[in-house]
mmCIF file of all heavy atoms, coordinates in Angstrom:
data_MODEL
# 
_entry.id   MODEL 
# 
loop_
_atom_site.group_PDB 
_atom_site.id 
_atom_site.type_symbol 
_atom_site.label_atom_id 
_atom_site.label_alt_id 
_atom_site.label_comp_id 
_atom_site.label_asym_id 
_atom_site.label_entity_id 
_atom_site.label_seq_id 
_atom_site.pdbx_PDB_ins_code 
_atom_site.Cartn_x 
_atom_site.Cartn_y 
_atom_site.Cartn_z 
_atom_site.occupancy 
_atom_site.B_iso_or_equiv 
_atom_site.pdbx_formal_charge 
_atom_site.auth_seq_id 
_atom_site.auth_comp_id 
_atom_site.auth_asym_id 
_atom_site.auth_atom_id 
_atom_site.pdbx_PDB_model_num 
ATOM 1   N N   . LEU A 1 1  ? 161.834 -53.388 -102.140 1.00 0.00 ? 1  LEU A N   1 
ATOM 2   C CA  . LEU A 1 1  ? 161.804 -54.224 -103.338 1.00 0.00 ? 1  LEU A CA  1 
ATOM 3   C C   . LEU A 1 1  ? 160.712 -55.285 -103.214 1.00 0.00 ? 1  LEU A C   1 
ATOM 4   O O   . LEU A 1 1  ? 160.073 -55.658 -104.202 1.00 0.00 ? 1  LEU A O   1 
ATOM 5   C CB  . LEU A 1 1  ? 163.168 -54.880 -103.545 1.00 0.00 ? 1  LEU A CB  1 
ATOM 6   C CG  . LEU A 1 1  ? 163.376 -55.642 -104.843 1.00 0.00 ? 1  LEU A CG  1 
ATOM 7   C CD1 . LEU A 1 1  ? 163.195 -54.727 -106.040 1.00 0.00 ? 1  LEU A CD1 1 
ATOM 8   C CD2 . LEU A 1 1  ? 164.756 -56.302 -104.872 1.00 0.00 ? 1  LEU A CD2 1 
ATOM 9   N N   . ARG A 1 2  ? 160.469 -55.762 -101.998 1.00 0.00 ? 2  ARG A N   1 
ATOM 10  C CA  . ARG A 1 2  ? 159.404 -56.740 -101.782 1.00 0.00 ? 2  ARG A CA  1 
ATOM 11  C C   . ARG A 1 2  ? 158.052 -56.171 -102.216 1.00 0.00 ? 2  ARG A C   1 
ATOM 12  O O   . ARG A 1 2  ? 157.267 -56.823 -102.905 1.00 0.00 ? 2  ARG A O   1 
ATOM 13  C CB  . ARG A 1 2  ? 159.346 -57.163 -100.312 1.00 0.00 ? 2  ARG A CB  1 
ATOM 14  C CG  . ARG A 1 2  ? 158.224 -58.159 -100.003 1.00 0.00 ? 2  ARG A CG  1 
ATOM 15  C CD  . ARG A 1 2  ? 158.114 -58.407 -98.502  1.00 0.00 ? 2  ARG A CD  1 
ATOM 16  N NE  . ARG A 1 2  ? 159.286 -59.075 -97.994  1.00 0.00 ? 2  ARG A NE  1 
ATOM 17  C CZ  . ARG A 1 2  ? 159.473 -60.389 -98.035  1.00 0.00 ? 2  ARG A CZ  1 
ATOM 18  N NH1 . ARG A 1 2  ? 158.555 -61.171 -98.595  1.00 0.00 ? 2  ARG A NH1 1 
ATOM 19  N NH2 . ARG A 1 2  ? 160.557 -60.922 -97.529  1.00 0.00 ? 2  ARG A NH2 1 
ATOM 20  N N   . GLN A 1 3  ? 157.765 -54.926 -101.832 1.00 0.00 ? 3  GLN A N   1 
ATOM 21  C CA  . GLN A 1 3  ? 156.516 -54.291 -102.234 1.00 0.00 ? 3  GLN A CA  1 
ATOM 22  C C   . GLN A 1 3  ? 156.430 -54.115 -103.740 1.00 0.00 ? 3  GLN A C   1 
ATOM 23  O O   . GLN A 1 3  ? 155.371 -54.258 -104.342 1.00 0.00 ? 3  GLN A O   1 
ATOM 24  C CB  . GLN A 1 3  ? 156.388 -52.915 -101.573 1.00 0.00 ? 3  GLN A CB  1 
ATOM 25  C CG  . GLN A 1 3  ? 156.102 -52.937 -100.081 1.00 0.00 ? 3  GLN A CG  1 
ATOM 26  C CD  . GLN A 1 3  ? 156.069 -51.522 -99.532  1.00 0.00 ? 3  GLN A CD  1 
ATOM 27  O OE1 . GLN A 1 3  ? 157.094 -50.922 -99.261  1.00 0.00 ? 3  GLN A OE1 1 
ATOM 28  N NE2 . GLN A 1 3  ? 154.876 -50.978 -99.395  1.00 0.00 ? 3  GLN A NE2 1 
ATOM 29  N N   . LEU A 1 4  ? 157.580 -53.805 -104.365 1.00 0.00 ? 4  LEU A N   1 
ATOM 30  C CA  . LEU A 1 4  ? 157.584 -53.482 -105.788 1.00 0.00 ? 4  LEU A CA  1 
ATOM 31  C C   . LEU A 1 4  ? 157.260 -54.681 -106.663 1.00 0.00 ? 4  LEU A C   1 
ATOM 32  O O   . LEU A 1 4  ? 156.525 -54.563 -107.644 1.00 0.00 ? 4  LEU A O   1 
ATOM 33  C CB  . LEU A 1 4  ? 158.948 -52.902 -106.171 1.00 0.00 ? 4  LEU A CB  1 
ATOM 34  C CG  . LEU A 1 4  ? 159.101 -52.415 -107.605 1.00 0.00 ? 4  LEU A CG  1 
ATOM 35  C CD1 . LEU A 1 4  ? 158.163 -51.240 -107.874 1.00 0.00 ? 4  LEU A CD1 1 
ATOM 36  C CD2 . LEU A 1 4  ? 160.541 -52.002 -107.879 1.00 0.00 ? 4  LEU A CD2 1 
ATOM 37  N N   . VAL A 1 5  ? 157.808 -55.852 -106.338 1.00 0.00 ? 5  VAL A N   1 
ATOM 38  C CA  . VAL A 1 5  ? 157.665 -56.997 -107.239 1.00 0.00 ? 5  VAL A CA  1 
ATOM 39  C C   . VAL A 1 5  ? 156.456 -57.863 -106.925 1.00 0.00 ? 5  VAL A C   1 
ATOM 40  O O   . VAL A 1 5  ? 156.076 -58.690 -107.743 1.00 0.00 ? 5  VAL A O   1 
ATOM 41  C CB  . VAL A 1 5  ? 158.942 -57.871 -107.232 1.00 0.00 ? 5  VAL A CB  1 
ATOM 42  C CG1 . VAL A 1 5  ? 160.140 -57.051 -107.645 1.00 0.00 ? 5  VAL A CG1 1 
ATOM 43  C CG2 . VAL A 1 5  ? 159.176 -58.504 -105.852 1.00 0.00 ? 5  VAL A CG2 1 
ATOM 44  N N   . HIS A 1 6  ? 155.831 -57.685 -105.762 1.00 0.00 ? 6  HIS A N   1 
ATOM 45  C CA  . HIS A 1 6  ? 154.655 -58.491 -105.439 1.00 0.00 ? 6  HIS A CA  1 
ATOM 46  C C   . HIS A 1 6  ? 153.400 -57.859 -106.036 1.00 0.00 ? 6  HIS A C   1 
ATOM 47  O O   . HIS A 1 6  ? 153.228 -56.647 -106.007 1.00 0.00 ? 6  HIS A O   1 
ATOM 48  C CB  . HIS A 1 6  ? 154.490 -58.627 -103.929 1.00 0.00 ? 6  HIS A CB  1 
ATOM 49  C CG  . HIS A 1 6  ? 155.503 -59.557 -103.311 1.00 0.00 ? 6  HIS A CG  1 
ATOM 50  N ND1 . HIS A 1 6  ? 155.421 -59.985 -102.014 1.00 0.00 ? 6  HIS A ND1 1 
ATOM 51  C CD2 . HIS A 1 6  ? 156.608 -60.149 -103.832 1.00 0.00 ? 6  HIS A CD2 1 
ATOM 52  C CE1 . HIS A 1 6  ? 156.444 -60.793 -101.748 1.00 0.00 ? 6  HIS A CE1 1 
ATOM 53  N NE2 . HIS A 1 6  ? 157.165 -60.892 -102.834 1.00 0.00 ? 6  HIS A NE2 1 
ATOM 54  N N   . LYS A 1 7  ? 152.527 -58.691 -106.544 1.00 0.00 ? 7  LYS A N   1 
ATOM 55  C CA  . LYS A 1 7  ? 151.298 -58.189 -107.157 1.00 0.00 ? 7  LYS A CA  1 
ATOM 56  C C   . LYS A 1 7  ? 150.357 -57.616 -106.114 1.00 0.00 ? 7  LYS A C   1 
ATOM 57  O O   . LYS A 1 7  ? 149.685 -56.617 -106.349 1.00 0.00 ? 7  LYS A O   1 
ATOM 58  C CB  . LYS A 1 7  ? 150.604 -59.317 -107.934 1.00 0.00 ? 7  LYS A CB  1 
ATOM 59  C CG  . LYS A 1 7  ? 149.367 -58.868 -108.703 1.00 0.00 ? 7  LYS A CG  1 
ATOM 60  C CD  . LYS A 1 7  ? 148.823 -59.985 -109.555 1.00 0.00 ? 7  LYS A CD  1 
ATOM 61  C CE  . LYS A 1 7  ? 147.586 -59.539 -110.303 1.00 0.00 ? 7  LYS A CE  1 
ATOM 62  N NZ  . LYS A 1 7  ? 147.839 -58.449 -111.247 1.00 0.00 ? 7  LYS A NZ  1 
ATOM 63  N N   . GLU A 1 8  ? 150.282 -58.259 -104.959 1.00 0.00 ? 8  GLU A N   1 
ATOM 64  C CA  . GLU A 1 8  ? 149.373 -57.793 -103.923 1.00 0.00 ? 8  GLU A CA  1 
ATOM 65  C C   . GLU A 1 8  ? 150.146 -56.958 -102.906 1.00 0.00 ? 8  GLU A C   1 
ATOM 66  O O   . GLU A 1 8  ? 151.330 -57.155 -102.680 1.00 0.00 ? 8  GLU A O   1 
ATOM 67  C CB  . GLU A 1 8  ? 148.709 -58.983 -103.219 1.00 0.00 ? 8  GLU A CB  1 
ATOM 68  C CG  . GLU A 1 8  ? 147.963 -59.910 -104.176 1.00 0.00 ? 8  GLU A CG  1 
ATOM 69  C CD  . GLU A 1 8  ? 146.800 -59.221 -104.854 1.00 0.00 ? 8  GLU A CD  1 
ATOM 70  O OE1 . GLU A 1 8  ? 146.279 -58.237 -104.293 1.00 0.00 ? 8  GLU A OE1 1 
ATOM 71  O OE2 . GLU A 1 8  ? 146.420 -59.654 -105.961 1.00 0.00 ? 8  GLU A OE2 1 
ATOM 72  N N   . GLY A 1 9  ? 149.459 -56.024 -102.268 1.00 0.00 ? 9  GLY A N   1 
ATOM 73  C CA  . GLY A 1 9  ? 150.111 -55.249 -101.221 1.00 0.00 ? 9  GLY A CA  1 
ATOM 74  C C   . GLY A 1 9  ? 149.632 -53.826 -101.183 1.00 0.00 ? 9  GLY A C   1 
ATOM 75  O O   . GLY A 1 9  ? 148.814 -53.396 -101.997 1.00 0.00 ? 9  GLY A O   1 
ATOM 76  N N   . ALA A 1 10 ? 150.160 -53.062 -100.216 1.00 0.00 ? 10 ALA A N   1 
ATOM 77  C CA  . ALA A 1 10 ? 149.766 -51.674 -100.031 1.00 0.00 ? 10 ALA A CA  1 
ATOM 78  C C   . ALA A 1 10 ? 150.325 -50.816 -101.168 1.00 0.00 ? 10 ALA A C   1 
ATOM 79  O O   . ALA A 1 10 ? 151.266 -51.212 -101.857 1.00 0.00 ? 10 ALA A O   1 
ATOM 80  C CB  . ALA A 1 10 ? 150.274 -51.181 -98.685  1.00 0.00 ? 10 ALA A CB  1 
ATOM 81  N N   . PRO A 1 11 ? 149.741 -49.634 -101.381 1.00 0.00 ? 11 PRO A N   1 
ATOM 82  C CA  . PRO A 1 11 ? 150.286 -48.714 -102.391 1.00 0.00 ? 11 PRO A CA  1 
ATOM 83  C C   . PRO A 1 11 ? 151.771 -48.451 -102.137 1.00 0.00 ? 11 PRO A C   1 
ATOM 84  O O   . PRO A 1 11 ? 152.216 -48.346 -100.998 1.00 0.00 ? 11 PRO A O   1 
ATOM 85  C CB  . PRO A 1 11 ? 149.447 -47.448 -102.199 1.00 0.00 ? 11 PRO A CB  1 
ATOM 86  C CG  . PRO A 1 11 ? 148.147 -47.939 -101.633 1.00 0.00 ? 11 PRO A CG  1 
ATOM 87  C CD  . PRO A 1 11 ? 148.507 -49.098 -100.755 1.00 0.00 ? 11 PRO A CD  1 
ATOM 88  N N   . PHE A 1 12 ? 152.526 -48.333 -103.212 1.00 0.00 ? 12 PHE A N   1 
ATOM 89  C CA  . PHE A 1 12 ? 153.974 -48.193 -103.145 1.00 0.00 ? 12 PHE A CA  1 
ATOM 90  C C   . PHE A 1 12 ? 154.333 -46.727 -102.896 1.00 0.00 ? 12 PHE A C   1 
ATOM 91  O O   . PHE A 1 12 ? 154.035 -45.860 -103.724 1.00 0.00 ? 12 PHE A O   1 
ATOM 92  C CB  . PHE A 1 12 ? 154.583 -48.674 -104.464 1.00 0.00 ? 12 PHE A CB  1 
ATOM 93  C CG  . PHE A 1 12 ? 156.073 -48.786 -104.455 1.00 0.00 ? 12 PHE A CG  1 
ATOM 94  C CD1 . PHE A 1 12 ? 156.709 -49.770 -103.714 1.00 0.00 ? 12 PHE A CD1 1 
ATOM 95  C CD2 . PHE A 1 12 ? 156.851 -47.907 -105.189 1.00 0.00 ? 12 PHE A CD2 1 
ATOM 96  C CE1 . PHE A 1 12 ? 158.087 -49.885 -103.711 1.00 0.00 ? 12 PHE A CE1 1 
ATOM 97  C CE2 . PHE A 1 12 ? 158.228 -48.005 -105.201 1.00 0.00 ? 12 PHE A CE2 1 
ATOM 98  C CZ  . PHE A 1 12 ? 158.846 -49.004 -104.451 1.00 0.00 ? 12 PHE A CZ  1 
ATOM 99  N N   . PRO A 1 13 ? 154.962 -46.383 -101.751 1.00 0.00 ? 13 PRO A N   1 
ATOM 100 C CA  . PRO A 1 13 ? 155.264 -44.974 -101.440 1.00 0.00 ? 13 PRO A CA  1 
ATOM 101 C C   . PRO A 1 13 ? 156.443 -44.452 -102.253 1.00 0.00 ? 13 PRO A C   1 
ATOM 102 O O   . PRO A 1 13 ? 157.435 -45.154 -102.457 1.00 0.00 ? 13 PRO A O   1 
ATOM 103 C CB  . PRO A 1 13 ? 155.600 -45.012 -99.948  1.00 0.00 ? 13 PRO A CB  1 
ATOM 104 C CG  . PRO A 1 13 ? 156.105 -46.399 -99.707  1.00 0.00 ? 13 PRO A CG  1 
ATOM 105 C CD  . PRO A 1 13 ? 155.372 -47.293 -100.664 1.00 0.00 ? 13 PRO A CD  1 
ATOM 106 N N   . VAL A 1 14 ? 156.326 -43.202 -102.718 1.00 0.00 ? 14 VAL A N   1 
ATOM 107 C CA  . VAL A 1 14 ? 157.385 -42.562 -103.497 1.00 0.00 ? 14 VAL A CA  1 
ATOM 108 C C   . VAL A 1 14 ? 157.492 -41.104 -103.073 1.00 0.00 ? 14 VAL A C   1 
ATOM 109 O O   . VAL A 1 14 ? 156.489 -40.392 -102.992 1.00 0.00 ? 14 VAL A O   1 
ATOM 110 C CB  . VAL A 1 14 ? 157.102 -42.633 -105.012 1.00 0.00 ? 14 VAL A CB  1 
ATOM 111 C CG1 . VAL A 1 14 ? 158.163 -41.850 -105.790 1.00 0.00 ? 14 VAL A CG1 1 
ATOM 112 C CG2 . VAL A 1 14 ? 157.066 -44.076 -105.495 1.00 0.00 ? 14 VAL A CG2 1 
ATOM 113 N N   . ALA A 1 15 ? 158.706 -40.633 -102.808 1.00 0.00 ? 15 ALA A N   1 
ATOM 114 C CA  . ALA A 1 15 ? 158.993 -39.213 -102.581 1.00 0.00 ? 15 ALA A CA  1 
ATOM 115 C C   . ALA A 1 15 ? 160.164 -38.868 -103.479 1.00 0.00 ? 15 ALA A C   1 
ATOM 116 O O   . ALA A 1 15 ? 161.250 -39.444 -103.350 1.00 0.00 ? 15 ALA A O   1 
ATOM 117 C CB  . ALA A 1 15 ? 159.320 -38.942 -101.119 1.00 0.00 ? 15 ALA A CB  1 
ATOM 118 N N   . MET A 1 16 ? 159.961 -37.936 -104.413 1.00 0.00 ? 16 MET A N   1 
ATOM 119 C CA  . MET A 1 16 ? 160.942 -37.677 -105.464 1.00 0.00 ? 16 MET A CA  1 
ATOM 120 C C   . MET A 1 16 ? 161.272 -36.194 -105.564 1.00 0.00 ? 16 MET A C   1 
ATOM 121 O O   . MET A 1 16 ? 160.386 -35.354 -105.500 1.00 0.00 ? 16 MET A O   1 
ATOM 122 C CB  . MET A 1 16 ? 160.373 -38.181 -106.807 1.00 0.00 ? 16 MET A CB  1 
ATOM 123 C CG  . MET A 1 16 ? 161.309 -38.049 -107.992 1.00 0.00 ? 16 MET A CG  1 
ATOM 124 S SD  . MET A 1 16 ? 160.526 -38.624 -109.544 1.00 0.00 ? 16 MET A SD  1 
ATOM 125 C CE  . MET A 1 16 ? 160.115 -40.312 -109.111 1.00 0.00 ? 16 MET A CE  1 
ATOM 126 N N   . GLU A 1 17 ? 162.563 -35.906 -105.731 1.00 0.00 ? 17 GLU A N   1 
ATOM 127 C CA  . GLU A 1 17 ? 163.032 -34.556 -106.024 1.00 0.00 ? 17 GLU A CA  1 
ATOM 128 C C   . GLU A 1 17 ? 163.743 -34.599 -107.370 1.00 0.00 ? 17 GLU A C   1 
ATOM 129 O O   . GLU A 1 17 ? 164.711 -35.349 -107.545 1.00 0.00 ? 17 GLU A O   1 
ATOM 130 C CB  . GLU A 1 17 ? 163.977 -34.045 -104.940 1.00 0.00 ? 17 GLU A CB  1 
ATOM 131 C CG  . GLU A 1 17 ? 163.317 -33.851 -103.588 1.00 0.00 ? 17 GLU A CG  1 
ATOM 132 C CD  . GLU A 1 17 ? 164.259 -33.247 -102.559 1.00 0.00 ? 17 GLU A CD  1 
ATOM 133 O OE1 . GLU A 1 17 ? 165.390 -32.876 -102.958 1.00 0.00 ? 17 GLU A OE1 1 
ATOM 134 O OE2 . GLU A 1 17 ? 163.881 -33.139 -101.387 1.00 0.00 ? 17 GLU A OE2 1 
ATOM 135 N N   . ILE A 1 18 ? 163.279 -33.795 -108.327 1.00 0.00 ? 18 ILE A N   1 
ATOM 136 C CA  . ILE A 1 18 ? 163.799 -33.804 -109.686 1.00 0.00 ? 18 ILE A CA  1 
ATOM 137 C C   . ILE A 1 18 ? 164.358 -32.429 -110.014 1.00 0.00 ? 18 ILE A C   1 
ATOM 138 O O   . ILE A 1 18 ? 163.735 -31.408 -109.708 1.00 0.00 ? 18 ILE A O   1 
ATOM 139 C CB  . ILE A 1 18 ? 162.692 -34.157 -110.696 1.00 0.00 ? 18 ILE A CB  1 
ATOM 140 C CG1 . ILE A 1 18 ? 162.043 -35.489 -110.332 1.00 0.00 ? 18 ILE A CG1 1 
ATOM 141 C CG2 . ILE A 1 18 ? 163.238 -34.217 -112.119 1.00 0.00 ? 18 ILE A CG2 1 
ATOM 142 C CD1 . ILE A 1 18 ? 160.795 -35.799 -111.133 1.00 0.00 ? 18 ILE A CD1 1 
ATOM 143 N N   . SER A 1 19 ? 165.524 -32.397 -110.642 1.00 0.00 ? 19 SER A N   1 
ATOM 144 C CA  . SER A 1 19 ? 166.100 -31.118 -111.041 1.00 0.00 ? 19 SER A CA  1 
ATOM 145 C C   . SER A 1 19 ? 166.711 -31.244 -112.437 1.00 0.00 ? 19 SER A C   1 
ATOM 146 O O   . SER A 1 19 ? 167.223 -32.297 -112.821 1.00 0.00 ? 19 SER A O   1 
ATOM 147 C CB  . SER A 1 19 ? 167.164 -30.655 -110.037 1.00 0.00 ? 19 SER A CB  1 
ATOM 148 O OG  . SER A 1 19 ? 168.217 -31.594 -109.955 1.00 0.00 ? 19 SER A OG  1 
ATOM 149 N N   . ALA A 1 20 ? 166.594 -30.169 -113.194 1.00 0.00 ? 20 ALA A N   1 
ATOM 150 C CA  . ALA A 1 20 ? 167.190 -30.033 -114.520 1.00 0.00 ? 20 ALA A CA  1 
ATOM 151 C C   . ALA A 1 20 ? 167.559 -28.569 -114.665 1.00 0.00 ? 20 ALA A C   1 
ATOM 152 O O   . ALA A 1 20 ? 167.141 -27.737 -113.853 1.00 0.00 ? 20 ALA A O   1 
ATOM 153 C CB  . ALA A 1 20 ? 166.207 -30.476 -115.608 1.00 0.00 ? 20 ALA A CB  1 
ATOM 154 N N   . PRO A 1 21 ? 168.349 -28.206 -115.672 1.00 0.00 ? 21 PRO A N   1 
ATOM 155 C CA  . PRO A 1 21 ? 168.706 -26.788 -115.819 1.00 0.00 ? 21 PRO A CA  1 
ATOM 156 C C   . PRO A 1 21 ? 167.473 -25.892 -115.872 1.00 0.00 ? 21 PRO A C   1 
ATOM 157 O O   . PRO A 1 21 ? 166.647 -25.995 -116.765 1.00 0.00 ? 21 PRO A O   1 
ATOM 158 C CB  . PRO A 1 21 ? 169.457 -26.769 -117.165 1.00 0.00 ? 21 PRO A CB  1 
ATOM 159 C CG  . PRO A 1 21 ? 170.027 -28.148 -117.290 1.00 0.00 ? 21 PRO A CG  1 
ATOM 160 C CD  . PRO A 1 21 ? 169.008 -29.052 -116.680 1.00 0.00 ? 21 PRO A CD  1 
ATOM 161 N N   . GLY A 1 22 ? 167.323 -25.040 -114.854 1.00 0.00 ? 22 GLY A N   1 
ATOM 162 C CA  . GLY A 1 22 ? 166.193 -24.119 -114.826 1.00 0.00 ? 22 GLY A CA  1 
ATOM 163 C C   . GLY A 1 22 ? 164.873 -24.746 -114.431 1.00 0.00 ? 22 GLY A C   1 
ATOM 164 O O   . GLY A 1 22 ? 163.822 -24.117 -114.602 1.00 0.00 ? 22 GLY A O   1 
ATOM 165 N N   . LEU A 1 23 ? 164.890 -25.946 -113.863 1.00 0.00 ? 23 LEU A N   1 
ATOM 166 C CA  . LEU A 1 23 ? 163.634 -26.608 -113.498 1.00 0.00 ? 23 LEU A CA  1 
ATOM 167 C C   . LEU A 1 23 ? 163.841 -27.440 -112.231 1.00 0.00 ? 23 LEU A C   1 
ATOM 168 O O   . LEU A 1 23 ? 164.852 -28.128 -112.093 1.00 0.00 ? 23 LEU A O   1 
ATOM 169 C CB  . LEU A 1 23 ? 163.175 -27.502 -114.648 1.00 0.00 ? 23 LEU A CB  1 
ATOM 170 C CG  . LEU A 1 23 ? 161.810 -28.195 -114.527 1.00 0.00 ? 23 LEU A CG  1 
ATOM 171 C CD1 . LEU A 1 23 ? 161.192 -28.374 -115.912 1.00 0.00 ? 23 LEU A CD1 1 
ATOM 172 C CD2 . LEU A 1 23 ? 161.938 -29.564 -113.860 1.00 0.00 ? 23 LEU A CD2 1 
ATOM 173 N N   . ARG A 1 24 ? 162.855 -27.366 -111.327 1.00 0.00 ? 24 ARG A N   1 
ATOM 174 C CA  . ARG A 1 24 ? 162.894 -28.175 -110.113 1.00 0.00 ? 24 ARG A CA  1 
ATOM 175 C C   . ARG A 1 24 ? 161.481 -28.630 -109.774 1.00 0.00 ? 24 ARG A C   1 
ATOM 176 O O   . ARG A 1 24 ? 160.537 -27.842 -109.832 1.00 0.00 ? 24 ARG A O   1 
ATOM 177 C CB  . ARG A 1 24 ? 163.488 -27.380 -108.940 1.00 0.00 ? 24 ARG A CB  1 
ATOM 178 C CG  . ARG A 1 24 ? 163.606 -28.178 -107.638 1.00 0.00 ? 24 ARG A CG  1 
ATOM 179 C CD  . ARG A 1 24 ? 164.388 -27.397 -106.603 1.00 0.00 ? 24 ARG A CD  1 
ATOM 180 N NE  . ARG A 1 24 ? 165.763 -27.206 -107.012 1.00 0.00 ? 24 ARG A NE  1 
ATOM 181 C CZ  . ARG A 1 24 ? 166.730 -28.110 -106.796 1.00 0.00 ? 24 ARG A CZ  1 
ATOM 182 N NH1 . ARG A 1 24 ? 166.461 -29.243 -106.182 1.00 0.00 ? 24 ARG A NH1 1 
ATOM 183 N NH2 . ARG A 1 24 ? 167.962 -27.857 -107.187 1.00 0.00 ? 24 ARG A NH2 1 
ATOM 184 N N   . ALA A 1 25 ? 161.349 -29.916 -109.420 1.00 0.00 ? 25 ALA A N   1 
ATOM 185 C CA  . ALA A 1 25 ? 160.030 -30.472 -109.108 1.00 0.00 ? 25 ALA A CA  1 
ATOM 186 C C   . ALA A 1 25 ? 160.149 -31.437 -107.948 1.00 0.00 ? 25 ALA A C   1 
ATOM 187 O O   . ALA A 1 25 ? 161.178 -32.100 -107.760 1.00 0.00 ? 25 ALA A O   1 
ATOM 188 C CB  . ALA A 1 25 ? 159.444 -31.180 -110.329 1.00 0.00 ? 25 ALA A CB  1 
# 
């Protein structure tokens, strides 16, 4: 959360798994 709300800082890392009927990403 510290990285998210501060204007300065390193790129914010994200790893996401998304699923919907008949779809996965």
